[in-house]
Amino acid sequence: MSLERARAVQAVLEELEELRRAGGYRRGLAARMAREYGGSARTWERAVSDARAVYEHEERPAAPGAE
């Protein structure tokens, strides 16, 4: 795995943890993470987008009969 890809994965994991802590998406999250951890806001926006998809999938109730 390239260093750039590893950083992207780490960013998504950090965003996912932040979403879990906050109980969901909060506006300005990507900008705050960029200030806190460095990097461009656009990079963090992509991480937030990916993390939101994972978070929303985790929070979605299972379909009846799905186990």
N, C-alpha and C. Protein backbone atom coordinates (compact mmCIF):
# COMPACT_ATOMS: atom_id res chain seq x y z
N MET A 1 0.86 -1.18 0.00
CA MET A 1 0.00 0.00 0.00
C MET A 1 0.90 1.23 0.00
N SER A 2 0.58 2.18 -0.85
CA SER A 2 1.37 3.39 -0.93
C SER A 2 1.16 4.25 0.31
N LEU A 3 2.10 5.11 0.57
CA LEU A 3 2.02 6.02 1.72
C LEU A 3 0.79 6.92 1.60
N GLU A 4 0.52 7.38 0.39
CA GLU A 4 -0.64 8.26 0.17
C GLU A 4 -1.95 7.51 0.47
N ARG A 5 -2.04 6.27 0.02
CA ARG A 5 -3.23 5.47 0.27
C ARG A 5 -3.38 5.18 1.77
N ALA A 6 -2.26 4.88 2.42
CA ALA A 6 -2.29 4.62 3.86
C ALA A 6 -2.79 5.84 4.62
N ARG A 7 -2.36 7.02 4.20
CA ARG A 7 -2.83 8.25 4.84
C ARG A 7 -4.33 8.44 4.62
N ALA A 8 -4.80 8.13 3.42
CA ALA A 8 -6.23 8.27 3.12
C ALA A 8 -7.05 7.31 3.99
N VAL A 9 -6.58 6.09 4.12
CA VAL A 9 -7.28 5.12 4.96
C VAL A 9 -7.30 5.60 6.41
N GLN A 10 -6.18 6.10 6.89
CA GLN A 10 -6.11 6.60 8.26
C GLN A 10 -7.05 7.78 8.46
N ALA A 11 -7.14 8.65 7.46
CA ALA A 11 -8.05 9.80 7.54
C ALA A 11 -9.49 9.34 7.66
N VAL A 12 -9.86 8.34 6.88
CA VAL A 12 -11.23 7.83 6.94
C VAL A 12 -11.51 7.23 8.31
N LEU A 13 -10.55 6.47 8.84
CA LEU A 13 -10.73 5.88 10.16
C LEU A 13 -10.88 6.95 11.24
N GLU A 14 -10.10 8.01 11.15
CA GLU A 14 -10.21 9.12 12.12
C GLU A 14 -11.56 9.79 12.00
N GLU A 15 -12.02 10.01 10.78
CA GLU A 15 -13.33 10.64 10.57
C GLU A 15 -14.44 9.74 11.08
N LEU A 16 -14.33 8.45 10.83
CA LEU A 16 -15.35 7.52 11.29
C LEU A 16 -15.44 7.54 12.81
N GLU A 17 -14.31 7.57 13.48
CA GLU A 17 -14.31 7.65 14.94
C GLU A 17 -14.95 8.96 15.41
N GLU A 18 -14.66 10.04 14.72
CA GLU A 18 -15.25 11.35 15.07
C GLU A 18 -16.77 11.32 14.86
N LEU A 19 -17.23 10.71 13.78
CA LEU A 19 -18.68 10.61 13.54
C LEU A 19 -19.35 9.80 14.65
N ARG A 20 -18.71 8.72 15.05
CA ARG A 20 -19.27 7.90 16.13
C ARG A 20 -19.34 8.69 17.43
N ARG A 21 -18.29 9.44 17.71
CA ARG A 21 -18.26 10.24 18.94
C ARG A 21 -19.33 11.32 18.93
N ALA A 22 -19.51 11.95 17.76
CA ALA A 22 -20.47 13.05 17.64
C ALA A 22 -21.91 12.57 17.46
N GLY A 23 -22.05 11.29 17.18
CA GLY A 23 -23.39 10.76 16.95
C GLY A 23 -23.92 11.04 15.56
N GLY A 24 -23.03 11.32 14.63
CA GLY A 24 -23.42 11.58 13.25
C GLY A 24 -22.66 12.76 12.68
N TYR A 25 -22.98 13.09 11.46
CA TYR A 25 -22.30 14.16 10.74
C TYR A 25 -22.58 15.53 11.36
N ARG A 26 -21.56 16.33 11.42
CA ARG A 26 -21.67 17.72 11.85
C ARG A 26 -21.01 18.60 10.79
N ARG A 27 -21.69 19.65 10.40
CA ARG A 27 -21.15 20.58 9.42
C ARG A 27 -19.83 21.16 9.92
N GLY A 28 -18.87 21.29 9.02
CA GLY A 28 -17.57 21.87 9.36
C GLY A 28 -16.56 20.86 9.87
N LEU A 29 -16.93 19.60 9.89
CA LEU A 29 -16.06 18.56 10.41
C LEU A 29 -14.75 18.47 9.62
N ALA A 30 -14.84 18.49 8.29
CA ALA A 30 -13.64 18.39 7.45
C ALA A 30 -12.70 19.57 7.68
N ALA A 31 -13.24 20.76 7.78
CA ALA A 31 -12.40 21.94 8.02
C ALA A 31 -11.71 21.86 9.38
N ARG A 32 -12.45 21.39 10.38
CA ARG A 32 -11.85 21.27 11.71
C ARG A 32 -10.73 20.24 11.72
N MET A 33 -10.96 19.12 11.04
CA MET A 33 -9.94 18.08 10.99
C MET A 33 -8.70 18.58 10.22
N ALA A 34 -8.90 19.36 9.17
CA ALA A 34 -7.77 19.91 8.41
C ALA A 34 -6.95 20.85 9.30
N ARG A 35 -7.63 21.66 10.09
CA ARG A 35 -6.91 22.56 11.01
C ARG A 35 -6.17 21.76 12.08
N GLU A 36 -6.83 20.75 12.60
CA GLU A 36 -6.28 19.97 13.71
C GLU A 36 -5.13 19.07 13.29
N TYR A 37 -5.28 18.40 12.14
CA TYR A 37 -4.30 17.40 11.72
C TYR A 37 -3.45 17.81 10.53
N GLY A 38 -3.79 18.95 9.91
CA GLY A 38 -3.05 19.38 8.73
C GLY A 38 -3.63 18.75 7.47
N GLY A 39 -3.12 19.18 6.34
CA GLY A 39 -3.63 18.68 5.07
C GLY A 39 -4.70 19.60 4.53
N SER A 40 -5.11 19.31 3.32
CA SER A 40 -6.11 20.18 2.69
C SER A 40 -7.51 19.81 3.14
N ALA A 41 -8.37 20.80 3.14
CA ALA A 41 -9.77 20.56 3.50
C ALA A 41 -10.40 19.59 2.51
N ARG A 42 -10.01 19.67 1.23
CA ARG A 42 -10.57 18.77 0.22
C ARG A 42 -10.26 17.31 0.55
N THR A 43 -9.05 17.03 1.01
CA THR A 43 -8.68 15.67 1.39
C THR A 43 -9.56 15.18 2.53
N TRP A 44 -9.78 16.05 3.52
CA TRP A 44 -10.62 15.67 4.66
C TRP A 44 -12.08 15.56 4.25
N GLU A 45 -12.52 16.36 3.26
CA GLU A 45 -13.90 16.24 2.78
C GLU A 45 -14.13 14.86 2.17
N ARG A 46 -13.15 14.37 1.41
CA ARG A 46 -13.26 13.01 0.85
C ARG A 46 -13.31 11.98 1.97
N ALA A 47 -12.48 12.17 2.99
CA ALA A 47 -12.47 11.24 4.12
C ALA A 47 -13.81 11.27 4.85
N VAL A 48 -14.36 12.46 5.04
CA VAL A 48 -15.67 12.58 5.71
C VAL A 48 -16.73 11.87 4.87
N SER A 49 -16.71 12.07 3.58
CA SER A 49 -17.69 11.44 2.70
C SER A 49 -17.61 9.92 2.80
N ASP A 50 -16.40 9.37 2.74
CA ASP A 50 -16.23 7.92 2.86
C ASP A 50 -16.64 7.43 4.24
N ALA A 51 -16.27 8.15 5.27
CA ALA A 51 -16.61 7.75 6.63
C ALA A 51 -18.11 7.83 6.87
N ARG A 52 -18.77 8.83 6.29
CA ARG A 52 -20.23 8.94 6.44
C ARG A 52 -20.93 7.74 5.83
N ALA A 53 -20.43 7.28 4.69
CA ALA A 53 -21.04 6.11 4.04
C ALA A 53 -20.93 4.89 4.94
N VAL A 54 -19.77 4.69 5.55
CA VAL A 54 -19.58 3.57 6.47
C VAL A 54 -20.46 3.74 7.69
N TYR A 55 -20.45 4.93 8.26
CA TYR A 55 -21.23 5.21 9.47
C TYR A 55 -22.72 4.98 9.23
N GLU A 56 -23.24 5.49 8.12
CA GLU A 56 -24.66 5.34 7.83
C GLU A 56 -25.02 3.88 7.58
N HIS A 57 -24.10 3.13 6.99
CA HIS A 57 -24.34 1.69 6.79
C HIS A 57 -24.39 0.97 8.14
N GLU A 58 -23.52 1.36 9.05
CA GLU A 58 -23.50 0.75 10.39
C GLU A 58 -24.79 1.07 11.16
N GLU A 59 -25.29 2.27 10.98
CA GLU A 59 -26.46 2.73 11.75
C GLU A 59 -27.77 2.25 11.15
N ARG A 60 -27.77 1.82 9.91
CA ARG A 60 -28.99 1.37 9.25
C ARG A 60 -29.44 0.06 9.89
N PRO A 61 -30.69 -0.02 10.30
CA PRO A 61 -31.16 -1.28 10.89
C PRO A 61 -31.14 -2.40 9.85
N ALA A 62 -30.87 -3.59 10.34
CA ALA A 62 -30.85 -4.75 9.45
C ALA A 62 -32.25 -5.03 8.92
N ALA A 63 -32.30 -5.52 7.71
CA ALA A 63 -33.58 -5.89 7.10
C ALA A 63 -34.17 -7.06 7.87
N PRO A 64 -35.49 -7.13 7.98
CA PRO A 64 -36.11 -8.26 8.67
C PRO A 64 -35.68 -9.58 8.05
N GLY A 65 -35.29 -10.53 8.90
CA GLY A 65 -34.86 -11.83 8.42
C GLY A 65 -33.41 -11.90 8.02
N ALA A 66 -32.71 -10.77 7.96
CA ALA A 66 -31.29 -10.77 7.58
C ALA A 66 -30.44 -11.04 8.80
N GLU A 67 -29.64 -12.06 8.72
CA GLU A 67 -28.74 -12.38 9.83
C GLU A 67 -27.45 -12.89 9.33
